[in-house]
Amino acid sequence: MPNSKSITQLAAYWKRNGLSTRASYVLAKAGVSETQLVAYREISALLCLKNCGSETAKEIWDFMENSEREVKEVKFEELIPN
């Protein structure tokens, strides 16, 4: 599990990419990076994340479906600026 500084930085990453603050923090607190997001292939898996209700899960799901970005191999440490 990431520490509070890395949670804030990872949440900021998700927010910069278009997710709401709530959705960003749900993913960040779970330590989900962009490469790990593809592992959530069913909305029910998103609903298992702490504090992820149906609306937040739908937002994340829509984000995944509508994202035209190519998923790259990115290490969690690379998402955190030095």
PDB file of N, CA and C in Angstrom:
ATOM      1  N   MET A   1       0.850  -1.189   0.000  1.00  0.00           N
ATOM      2  CA  MET A   1       0.000   0.000   0.000  1.00  0.00           C
ATOM      3  C   MET A   1       0.887   1.240   0.000  1.00  0.00           C
ATOM      4  N   PRO A   2       0.579   2.204  -0.853  1.00  0.00           N
ATOM      5  CA  PRO A   2       1.398   3.416  -0.928  1.00  0.00           C
ATOM      6  C   PRO A   2       1.265   4.280   0.325  1.00  0.00           C
ATOM      7  N   ASN A   3       2.317   5.094   0.578  1.00  0.00           N
ATOM      8  CA  ASN A   3       2.253   6.016   1.723  1.00  0.00           C
ATOM      9  C   ASN A   3       1.435   7.251   1.334  1.00  0.00           C
ATOM     10  N   SER A   4       1.169   8.116   2.305  1.00  0.00           N
ATOM     11  CA  SER A   4       0.258   9.246   2.059  1.00  0.00           C
ATOM     12  C   SER A   4       0.779  10.199   0.979  1.00  0.00           C
ATOM     13  N   LYS A   5       2.099  10.384   0.898  1.00  0.00           N
ATOM     14  CA  LYS A   5       2.656  11.262  -0.126  1.00  0.00           C
ATOM     15  C   LYS A   5       2.446  10.662  -1.511  1.00  0.00           C
ATOM     16  N   SER A   6       2.701   9.365  -1.629  1.00  0.00           N
ATOM     17  CA  SER A   6       2.530   8.740  -2.938  1.00  0.00           C
ATOM     18  C   SER A   6       1.053   8.624  -3.306  1.00  0.00           C
ATOM     19  N   ILE A   7       0.173   8.478  -2.319  1.00  0.00           N
ATOM     20  CA  ILE A   7      -1.271   8.464  -2.598  1.00  0.00           C
ATOM     21  C   ILE A   7      -1.680   9.801  -3.203  1.00  0.00           C
ATOM     22  N   THR A   8      -1.233  10.887  -2.610  1.00  0.00           N
ATOM     23  CA  THR A   8      -1.566  12.222  -3.114  1.00  0.00           C
ATOM     24  C   THR A   8      -1.036  12.416  -4.527  1.00  0.00           C
ATOM     25  N   GLN A   9       0.186  11.965  -4.769  1.00  0.00           N
ATOM     26  CA  GLN A   9       0.778  12.130  -6.093  1.00  0.00           C
ATOM     27  C   GLN A   9       0.097  11.252  -7.136  1.00  0.00           C
ATOM     28  N   LEU A  10      -0.245  10.029  -6.758  1.00  0.00           N
ATOM     29  CA  LEU A  10      -0.931   9.143  -7.690  1.00  0.00           C
ATOM     30  C   LEU A  10      -2.346   9.650  -7.961  1.00  0.00           C
ATOM     31  N   ALA A  11      -3.014  10.176  -6.944  1.00  0.00           N
ATOM     32  CA  ALA A  11      -4.346  10.761  -7.142  1.00  0.00           C
ATOM     33  C   ALA A  11      -4.266  11.954  -8.090  1.00  0.00           C
ATOM     34  N   ALA A  12      -3.231  12.759  -7.942  1.00  0.00           N
ATOM     35  CA  ALA A  12      -3.046  13.912  -8.833  1.00  0.00           C
ATOM     36  C   ALA A  12      -2.845  13.448 -10.276  1.00  0.00           C
ATOM     37  N   TYR A  13      -2.137  12.347 -10.448  1.00  0.00           N
ATOM     38  CA  TYR A  13      -1.940  11.774 -11.780  1.00  0.00           C
ATOM     39  C   TYR A  13      -3.293  11.404 -12.400  1.00  0.00           C
ATOM     40  N   TRP A  14      -4.135  10.690 -11.635  1.00  0.00           N
ATOM     41  CA  TRP A  14      -5.443  10.290 -12.152  1.00  0.00           C
ATOM     42  C   TRP A  14      -6.317  11.508 -12.437  1.00  0.00           C
ATOM     43  N   LYS A  15      -6.239  12.504 -11.572  1.00  0.00           N
ATOM     44  CA  LYS A  15      -7.046  13.713 -11.755  1.00  0.00           C
ATOM     45  C   LYS A  15      -6.624  14.462 -13.027  1.00  0.00           C
ATOM     46  N   ARG A  16      -5.309  14.551 -13.251  1.00  0.00           N
ATOM     47  CA  ARG A  16      -4.807  15.189 -14.480  1.00  0.00           C
ATOM     48  C   ARG A  16      -5.303  14.456 -15.727  1.00  0.00           C
ATOM     49  N   ASN A  17      -5.593  13.184 -15.590  1.00  0.00           N
ATOM     50  CA  ASN A  17      -6.048  12.392 -16.727  1.00  0.00           C
ATOM     51  C   ASN A  17      -7.568  12.367 -16.867  1.00  0.00           C
ATOM     52  N   GLY A  18      -8.266  13.160 -16.036  1.00  0.00           N
ATOM     53  CA  GLY A  18      -9.686  13.369 -16.252  1.00  0.00           C
ATOM     54  C   GLY A  18     -10.653  12.746 -15.259  1.00  0.00           C
ATOM     55  N   LEU A  19     -10.154  12.055 -14.238  1.00  0.00           N
ATOM     56  CA  LEU A  19     -11.060  11.467 -13.253  1.00  0.00           C
ATOM     57  C   LEU A  19     -11.392  12.480 -12.161  1.00  0.00           C
ATOM     58  N   SER A  20     -12.528  12.290 -11.528  1.00  0.00           N
ATOM     59  CA  SER A  20     -12.920  13.157 -10.418  1.00  0.00           C
ATOM     60  C   SER A  20     -11.980  12.931  -9.235  1.00  0.00           C
ATOM     61  N   THR A  21     -12.048  13.831  -8.274  1.00  0.00           N
ATOM     62  CA  THR A  21     -11.223  13.692  -7.073  1.00  0.00           C
ATOM     63  C   THR A  21     -11.534  12.383  -6.366  1.00  0.00           C
ATOM     64  N   ARG A  22     -12.799  12.063  -6.221  1.00  0.00           N
ATOM     65  CA  ARG A  22     -13.186  10.832  -5.524  1.00  0.00           C
ATOM     66  C   ARG A  22     -12.640   9.592  -6.233  1.00  0.00           C
ATOM     67  N   ALA A  23     -12.856   9.499  -7.539  1.00  0.00           N
ATOM     68  CA  ALA A  23     -12.366   8.348  -8.302  1.00  0.00           C
ATOM     69  C   ALA A  23     -10.840   8.279  -8.259  1.00  0.00           C
ATOM     70  N   SER A  24     -10.202   9.431  -8.323  1.00  0.00           N
ATOM     71  CA  SER A  24      -8.737   9.483  -8.276  1.00  0.00           C
ATOM     72  C   SER A  24      -8.211   8.924  -6.964  1.00  0.00           C
ATOM     73  N   TYR A  25      -8.841   9.308  -5.866  1.00  0.00           N
ATOM     74  CA  TYR A  25      -8.391   8.828  -4.556  1.00  0.00           C
ATOM     75  C   TYR A  25      -8.736   7.362  -4.312  1.00  0.00           C
ATOM     76  N   VAL A  26      -9.847   6.896  -4.860  1.00  0.00           N
ATOM     77  CA  VAL A  26     -10.179   5.467  -4.744  1.00  0.00           C
ATOM     78  C   VAL A  26      -9.055   4.644  -5.375  1.00  0.00           C
ATOM     79  N   LEU A  27      -8.656   5.028  -6.586  1.00  0.00           N
ATOM     80  CA  LEU A  27      -7.587   4.290  -7.274  1.00  0.00           C
ATOM     81  C   LEU A  27      -6.248   4.454  -6.570  1.00  0.00           C
ATOM     82  N   ALA A  28      -5.946   5.680  -6.152  1.00  0.00           N
ATOM     83  CA  ALA A  28      -4.655   5.946  -5.516  1.00  0.00           C
ATOM     84  C   ALA A  28      -4.505   5.209  -4.185  1.00  0.00           C
ATOM     85  N   LYS A  29      -5.560   5.224  -3.377  1.00  0.00           N
ATOM     86  CA  LYS A  29      -5.480   4.542  -2.082  1.00  0.00           C
ATOM     87  C   LYS A  29      -5.355   3.037  -2.245  1.00  0.00           C
ATOM     88  N   ALA A  30      -5.846   2.515  -3.369  1.00  0.00           N
ATOM     89  CA  ALA A  30      -5.697   1.089  -3.651  1.00  0.00           C
ATOM     90  C   ALA A  30      -4.348   0.800  -4.307  1.00  0.00           C
ATOM     91  N   GLY A  31      -3.608   1.872  -4.619  1.00  0.00           N
ATOM     92  CA  GLY A  31      -2.296   1.713  -5.242  1.00  0.00           C
ATOM     93  C   GLY A  31      -2.376   1.307  -6.703  1.00  0.00           C
ATOM     94  N   VAL A  32      -3.462   1.694  -7.379  1.00  0.00           N
ATOM     95  CA  VAL A  32      -3.670   1.286  -8.769  1.00  0.00           C
ATOM     96  C   VAL A  32      -3.012   2.282  -9.718  1.00  0.00           C
ATOM     97  N   SER A  33      -2.036   1.800 -10.466  1.00  0.00           N
ATOM     98  CA  SER A  33      -1.409   2.614 -11.503  1.00  0.00           C
ATOM     99  C   SER A  33      -2.127   2.346 -12.819  1.00  0.00           C
ATOM    100  N   GLU A  34      -1.758   3.075 -13.847  1.00  0.00           N
ATOM    101  CA  GLU A  34      -2.452   2.919 -15.133  1.00  0.00           C
ATOM    102  C   GLU A  34      -2.310   1.507 -15.684  1.00  0.00           C
ATOM    103  N   THR A  35      -1.145   0.911 -15.528  1.00  0.00           N
ATOM    104  CA  THR A  35      -0.964  -0.449 -16.039  1.00  0.00           C
ATOM    105  C   THR A  35      -1.793  -1.443 -15.253  1.00  0.00           C
ATOM    106  N   GLN A  36      -1.989  -1.198 -13.981  1.00  0.00           N
ATOM    107  CA  GLN A  36      -2.778  -2.107 -13.151  1.00  0.00           C
ATOM    108  C   GLN A  36      -4.271  -1.948 -13.402  1.00  0.00           C
ATOM    109  N   LEU A  37      -4.674  -0.796 -13.909  1.00  0.00           N
ATOM    110  CA  LEU A  37      -6.094  -0.529 -14.130  1.00  0.00           C
ATOM    111  C   LEU A  37      -6.703  -1.532 -15.102  1.00  0.00           C
ATOM    112  N   VAL A  38      -5.922  -1.983 -16.075  1.00  0.00           N
ATOM    113  CA  VAL A  38      -6.459  -2.921 -17.066  1.00  0.00           C
ATOM    114  C   VAL A  38      -6.825  -4.264 -16.443  1.00  0.00           C
ATOM    115  N   ALA A  39      -6.338  -4.546 -15.246  1.00  0.00           N
ATOM    116  CA  ALA A  39      -6.675  -5.792 -14.566  1.00  0.00           C
ATOM    117  C   ALA A  39      -8.134  -5.806 -14.114  1.00  0.00           C
ATOM    118  N   TYR A  40      -8.750  -4.633 -14.012  1.00  0.00           N
ATOM    119  CA  TYR A  40     -10.147  -4.522 -13.586  1.00  0.00           C
ATOM    120  C   TYR A  40     -11.041  -4.643 -14.819  1.00  0.00           C
ATOM    121  N   ARG A  41     -11.219  -5.866 -15.288  1.00  0.00           N
ATOM    122  CA  ARG A  41     -11.951  -6.113 -16.536  1.00  0.00           C
ATOM    123  C   ARG A  41     -13.450  -6.211 -16.330  1.00  0.00           C
ATOM    124  N   GLU A  42     -13.870  -6.194 -15.085  1.00  0.00           N
ATOM    125  CA  GLU A  42     -15.299  -6.233 -14.788  1.00  0.00           C
ATOM    126  C   GLU A  42     -15.605  -5.134 -13.777  1.00  0.00           C
ATOM    127  N   ILE A  43     -16.750  -4.521 -13.930  1.00  0.00           N
ATOM    128  CA  ILE A  43     -17.126  -3.433 -13.027  1.00  0.00           C
ATOM    129  C   ILE A  43     -17.243  -3.951 -11.591  1.00  0.00           C
ATOM    130  N   SER A  44     -17.572  -5.220 -11.430  1.00  0.00           N
ATOM    131  CA  SER A  44     -17.684  -5.793 -10.084  1.00  0.00           C
ATOM    132  C   SER A  44     -16.336  -5.775  -9.362  1.00  0.00           C
ATOM    133  N   ALA A  45     -15.247  -5.865 -10.115  1.00  0.00           N
ATOM    134  CA  ALA A  45     -13.918  -5.788  -9.505  1.00  0.00           C
ATOM    135  C   ALA A  45     -13.651  -4.382  -8.975  1.00  0.00           C
ATOM    136  N   LEU A  46     -14.124  -3.372  -9.691  1.00  0.00           N
ATOM    137  CA  LEU A  46     -13.961  -1.992  -9.218  1.00  0.00           C
ATOM    138  C   LEU A  46     -14.775  -1.765  -7.946  1.00  0.00           C
ATOM    139  N   LEU A  47     -15.946  -2.374  -7.888  1.00  0.00           N
ATOM    140  CA  LEU A  47     -16.805  -2.212  -6.711  1.00  0.00           C
ATOM    141  C   LEU A  47     -16.180  -2.809  -5.451  1.00  0.00           C
ATOM    142  N   CYS A  48     -15.187  -3.652  -5.615  1.00  0.00           N
ATOM    143  CA  CYS A  48     -14.497  -4.249  -4.464  1.00  0.00           C
ATOM    144  C   CYS A  48     -13.466  -3.307  -3.854  1.00  0.00           C
ATOM    145  N   LEU A  49     -13.126  -2.236  -4.568  1.00  0.00           N
ATOM    146  CA  LEU A  49     -12.165  -1.278  -4.028  1.00  0.00           C
ATOM    147  C   LEU A  49     -12.817  -0.500  -2.888  1.00  0.00           C
ATOM    148  N   LYS A  50     -12.043  -0.217  -1.870  1.00  0.00           N
ATOM    149  CA  LYS A  50     -12.555   0.506  -0.709  1.00  0.00           C
ATOM    150  C   LYS A  50     -13.108   1.870  -1.122  1.00  0.00           C
ATOM    151  N   ASN A  51     -14.291   2.194  -0.628  1.00  0.00           N
ATOM    152  CA  ASN A  51     -14.988   3.462  -0.885  1.00  0.00           C
ATOM    153  C   ASN A  51     -15.381   3.672  -2.344  1.00  0.00           C
ATOM    154  N   CYS A  52     -15.458   2.583  -3.110  1.00  0.00           N
ATOM    155  CA  CYS A  52     -15.852   2.705  -4.511  1.00  0.00           C
ATOM    156  C   CYS A  52     -17.292   2.235  -4.664  1.00  0.00           C
ATOM    157  N   GLY A  53     -18.197   3.210  -4.734  1.00  0.00           N
ATOM    158  CA  GLY A  53     -19.601   2.897  -4.933  1.00  0.00           C
ATOM    159  C   GLY A  53     -19.923   2.751  -6.411  1.00  0.00           C
ATOM    160  N   SER A  54     -21.173   2.544  -6.692  1.00  0.00           N
ATOM    161  CA  SER A  54     -21.576   2.274  -8.073  1.00  0.00           C
ATOM    162  C   SER A  54     -21.307   3.446  -9.018  1.00  0.00           C
ATOM    163  N   GLU A  55     -21.539   4.671  -8.564  1.00  0.00           N
ATOM    164  CA  GLU A  55     -21.293   5.838  -9.427  1.00  0.00           C
ATOM    165  C   GLU A  55     -19.805   6.015  -9.712  1.00  0.00           C
ATOM    166  N   THR A  56     -18.973   5.832  -8.697  1.00  0.00           N
ATOM    167  CA  THR A  56     -17.528   5.966  -8.882  1.00  0.00           C
ATOM    168  C   THR A  56     -17.013   4.843  -9.778  1.00  0.00           C
ATOM    169  N   ALA A  57     -17.504   3.639  -9.559  1.00  0.00           N
ATOM    170  CA  ALA A  57     -17.100   2.503 -10.401  1.00  0.00           C
ATOM    171  C   ALA A  57     -17.494   2.752 -11.855  1.00  0.00           C
ATOM    172  N   LYS A  58     -18.693   3.292 -12.062  1.00  0.00           N
ATOM    173  CA  LYS A  58     -19.136   3.593 -13.426  1.00  0.00           C
ATOM    174  C   LYS A  58     -18.254   4.655 -14.060  1.00  0.00           C
ATOM    175  N   GLU A  59     -17.873   5.670 -13.285  1.00  0.00           N
ATOM    176  CA  GLU A  59     -16.989   6.717 -13.813  1.00  0.00           C
ATOM    177  C   GLU A  59     -15.652   6.129 -14.249  1.00  0.00           C
ATOM    178  N   ILE A  60     -15.070   5.288 -13.405  1.00  0.00           N
ATOM    179  CA  ILE A  60     -13.779   4.665 -13.725  1.00  0.00           C
ATOM    180  C   ILE A  60     -13.938   3.741 -14.936  1.00  0.00           C
ATOM    181  N   TRP A  61     -15.022   2.981 -14.958  1.00  0.00           N
ATOM    182  CA  TRP A  61     -15.287   2.070 -16.071  1.00  0.00           C
ATOM    183  C   TRP A  61     -15.410   2.841 -17.390  1.00  0.00           C
ATOM    184  N   ASP A  62     -16.176   3.940 -17.369  1.00  0.00           N
ATOM    185  CA  ASP A  62     -16.324   4.772 -18.569  1.00  0.00           C
ATOM    186  C   ASP A  62     -14.980   5.360 -18.992  1.00  0.00           C
ATOM    187  N   PHE A  63     -14.189   5.773 -18.017  1.00  0.00           N
ATOM    188  CA  PHE A  63     -12.854   6.304 -18.296  1.00  0.00           C
ATOM    189  C   PHE A  63     -12.016   5.250 -19.021  1.00  0.00           C
ATOM    190  N   MET A  64     -12.064   4.005 -18.529  1.00  0.00           N
ATOM    191  CA  MET A  64     -11.294   2.920 -19.138  1.00  0.00           C
ATOM    192  C   MET A  64     -11.772   2.656 -20.563  1.00  0.00           C
ATOM    193  N   GLU A  65     -13.079   2.641 -20.760  1.00  0.00           N
ATOM    194  CA  GLU A  65     -13.626   2.352 -22.087  1.00  0.00           C
ATOM    195  C   GLU A  65     -13.367   3.474 -23.084  1.00  0.00           C
ATOM    196  N   ASN A  66     -13.391   4.710 -22.620  1.00  0.00           N
ATOM    197  CA  ASN A  66     -13.251   5.860 -23.514  1.00  0.00           C
ATOM    198  C   ASN A  66     -11.814   6.320 -23.696  1.00  0.00           C
ATOM    199  N   SER A  67     -10.908   5.750 -22.936  1.00  0.00           N
ATOM    200  CA  SER A  67      -9.518   6.166 -23.018  1.00  0.00           C
ATOM    201  C   SER A  67      -8.917   5.708 -24.336  1.00  0.00           C
ATOM    202  N   GLU A  68      -8.361   6.641 -25.045  1.00  0.00           N
ATOM    203  CA  GLU A  68      -7.699   6.306 -26.300  1.00  0.00           C
ATOM    204  C   GLU A  68      -6.196   6.180 -26.104  1.00  0.00           C
ATOM    205  N   ARG A  69      -5.748   6.360 -24.870  1.00  0.00           N
ATOM    206  CA  ARG A  69      -4.323   6.215 -24.592  1.00  0.00           C
ATOM    207  C   ARG A  69      -3.929   4.764 -24.685  1.00  0.00           C
ATOM    208  N   GLU A  70      -2.727   4.545 -25.129  1.00  0.00           N
ATOM    209  CA  GLU A  70      -2.178   3.200 -25.154  1.00  0.00           C
ATOM    210  C   GLU A  70      -1.656   2.894 -23.761  1.00  0.00           C
ATOM    211  N   VAL A  71      -1.956   1.736 -23.247  1.00  0.00           N
ATOM    212  CA  VAL A  71      -1.462   1.358 -21.925  1.00  0.00           C
ATOM    213  C   VAL A  71      -0.007   0.953 -22.066  1.00  0.00           C
ATOM    214  N   LYS A  72       0.841   1.643 -21.319  1.00  0.00           N
ATOM    215  CA  LYS A  72       2.275   1.378 -21.368  1.00  0.00           C
ATOM    216  C   LYS A  72       2.686   0.667 -20.095  1.00  0.00           C
ATOM    217  N   GLU A  73       3.800  -0.019 -20.169  1.00  0.00           N
ATOM    218  CA  GLU A  73       4.363  -0.622 -18.967  1.00  0.00           C
ATOM    219  C   GLU A  73       4.997   0.498 -18.152  1.00  0.00           C
ATOM    220  N   VAL A  74       4.393   0.830 -17.042  1.00  0.00           N
ATOM    221  CA  VAL A  74       4.875   1.900 -16.184  1.00  0.00           C
ATOM    222  C   VAL A  74       4.972   1.362 -14.766  1.00  0.00           C
ATOM    223  N   LYS A  75       6.123   1.566 -14.148  1.00  0.00           N
ATOM    224  CA  LYS A  75       6.277   1.168 -12.756  1.00  0.00           C
ATOM    225  C   LYS A  75       5.688   2.254 -11.867  1.00  0.00           C
ATOM    226  N   PHE A  76       5.131   1.847 -10.727  1.00  0.00           N
ATOM    227  CA  PHE A  76       4.524   2.793  -9.794  1.00  0.00           C
ATOM    228  C   PHE A  76       5.499   3.918  -9.455  1.00  0.00           C
ATOM    229  N   GLU A  77       6.777   3.584  -9.250  1.00  0.00           N
ATOM    230  CA  GLU A  77       7.781   4.574  -8.865  1.00  0.00           C
ATOM    231  C   GLU A  77       7.961   5.635  -9.955  1.00  0.00           C
ATOM    232  N   GLU A  78       7.712   5.259 -11.213  1.00  0.00           N
ATOM    233  CA  GLU A  78       7.870   6.210 -12.322  1.00  0.00           C
ATOM    234  C   GLU A  78       6.742   7.242 -12.356  1.00  0.00           C
ATOM    235  N   LEU A  79       5.633   6.959 -11.671  1.00  0.00           N
ATOM    236  CA  LEU A  79       4.516   7.900 -11.646  1.00  0.00           C
ATOM    237  C   LEU A  79       4.723   9.002 -10.630  1.00  0.00           C
ATOM    238  N   ILE A  80       5.690   8.815  -9.745  1.00  0.00           N
ATOM    239  CA  ILE A  80       5.937   9.772  -8.667  1.00  0.00           C
ATOM    240  C   ILE A  80       7.154  10.627  -9.030  1.00  0.00           C
ATOM    241  N   PRO A  81       6.965  11.934  -9.187  1.00  0.00           N
ATOM    242  CA  PRO A  81       8.109  12.796  -9.505  1.00  0.00           C
ATOM    243  C   PRO A  81       9.118  12.829  -8.376  1.00  0.00           C
ATOM    244  N   ASN A  82      10.373  12.948  -8.761  1.00  0.00           N
ATOM    245  CA  ASN A  82      11.445  13.005  -7.751  1.00  0.00           C
ATOM    246  C   ASN A  82      11.413  14.279  -6.957  1.00  0.00           C
TER     247      ASN A  82
END
